[in-house]
Amino acid sequence: MLKERRERTKVRKALYCILLLSPLNYLLSTLYTGGDQLYYHQVYELISDKGLIESYLIYRNKLNSSEVGHFIITWLASGLIEKNLFVTALN
């Protein structure tokens, strides 16, 4: 019983940290627009209204990456939410 209470306390603390740090994470992600983020933002916008195959070709060519898992998650989210919010949710 004591062990269960400790586990719930740990989970609660972790959730509080997430709630407190997420706005900061989002703010910082909106401020950094250079480097590789420039290309990730471009790709995110470009694939938001494209089909799967066309989006994958854009993703692969612009990012020089063939990570299928990351592509699928990015493609699914790109038509639903803003990129910085998406990255904040993943973090």
Protein backbone atom coordinates (compact mmCIF):
# COMPACT_ATOMS: atom_id res chain seq x y z
CA MET A 1 0.00 0.00 0.00
CA LEU A 2 2.81 2.40 0.85
CA LYS A 3 4.58 1.47 -2.38
CA GLU A 4 1.44 2.25 -4.40
CA ARG A 5 1.13 5.65 -2.72
CA ARG A 6 4.75 6.45 -3.57
CA GLU A 7 4.18 5.47 -7.19
CA ARG A 8 1.09 7.68 -7.44
CA THR A 9 3.05 10.55 -5.90
CA LYS A 10 5.80 10.09 -8.50
CA VAL A 11 3.28 10.08 -11.33
CA ARG A 12 1.55 13.17 -9.95
CA LYS A 13 4.87 15.04 -9.67
CA ALA A 14 5.78 14.07 -13.22
CA LEU A 15 2.44 15.37 -14.50
CA TYR A 16 2.91 18.65 -12.63
CA CYS A 17 6.35 19.05 -14.21
CA ILE A 18 4.90 18.41 -17.65
CA LEU A 19 2.16 20.98 -17.09
CA LEU A 20 4.62 23.56 -15.81
CA LEU A 21 7.35 23.03 -18.40
CA SER A 22 5.25 22.58 -21.55
CA PRO A 23 4.51 26.29 -22.01
CA LEU A 24 8.23 27.08 -21.66
CA ASN A 25 9.08 24.33 -24.13
CA TYR A 26 6.56 25.74 -26.60
CA LEU A 27 7.85 29.28 -26.18
CA LEU A 28 11.44 28.21 -26.76
CA SER A 29 10.47 26.17 -29.81
CA THR A 30 8.87 29.24 -31.40
CA LEU A 31 12.00 31.32 -30.84
CA TYR A 32 14.47 28.98 -32.51
CA THR A 33 13.86 29.09 -36.25
CA GLY A 34 17.34 28.61 -37.68
CA GLY A 35 19.51 25.62 -38.43
CA ASP A 36 17.77 22.36 -39.16
CA GLN A 37 14.46 23.71 -37.81
CA LEU A 38 14.15 25.85 -40.92
CA TYR A 39 13.96 22.71 -43.06
CA TYR A 40 11.70 20.81 -40.67
CA HIS A 41 9.25 23.74 -40.65
CA GLN A 42 9.29 23.92 -44.44
CA VAL A 43 8.64 20.19 -44.80
CA TYR A 44 5.92 20.25 -42.15
CA GLU A 45 4.08 22.96 -44.07
CA LEU A 46 4.68 21.41 -47.50
CA ILE A 47 3.33 17.96 -46.61
CA SER A 48 0.29 19.14 -44.66
CA ASP A 49 -2.01 18.93 -47.68
CA LYS A 50 -0.29 16.27 -49.79
CA GLY A 51 -0.84 12.56 -50.18
CA LEU A 52 1.33 9.93 -48.52
CA ILE A 53 3.68 9.15 -51.42
CA GLU A 54 4.16 12.76 -52.52
CA SER A 55 4.75 13.81 -48.91
CA TYR A 56 7.33 11.08 -48.38
CA LEU A 57 9.23 12.18 -51.49
CA ILE A 58 9.24 15.78 -50.26
CA TYR A 59 10.32 14.65 -46.77
CA ARG A 60 13.12 12.47 -48.11
CA ASN A 61 14.43 15.05 -50.58
CA LYS A 62 14.26 18.14 -48.35
CA LEU A 63 15.55 16.48 -45.18
CA ASN A 64 17.81 13.88 -46.79
CA SER A 65 16.22 11.37 -44.44
CA SER A 66 14.33 8.15 -44.96
CA GLU A 67 13.10 7.60 -41.39
CA VAL A 68 9.70 6.09 -42.10
CA GLY A 69 8.44 6.18 -38.50
CA HIS A 70 9.22 9.85 -37.99
CA PHE A 71 7.79 10.66 -41.41
CA ILE A 72 4.46 8.92 -40.73
CA ILE A 73 4.01 10.66 -37.38
CA THR A 74 4.95 14.01 -38.91
CA TRP A 75 2.69 13.51 -41.91
CA LEU A 76 -0.29 12.56 -39.75
CA ALA A 77 0.19 15.54 -37.44
CA SER A 78 0.98 18.10 -40.16
CA GLY A 79 -2.63 18.39 -41.24
CA LEU A 80 -3.92 18.60 -37.68
CA ILE A 81 -1.79 20.86 -35.49
CA GLU A 82 0.86 23.55 -35.72
CA LYS A 83 4.44 22.23 -35.79
CA ASN A 84 5.69 23.81 -32.56
CA LEU A 85 2.67 22.51 -30.67
CA PHE A 86 3.28 19.06 -32.18
CA VAL A 87 6.93 19.08 -31.06
CA THR A 88 5.95 20.28 -27.58
CA ALA A 89 3.46 17.42 -27.28
CA LEU A 90 6.12 14.91 -28.34
CA ASN A 91 8.63 16.26 -25.86
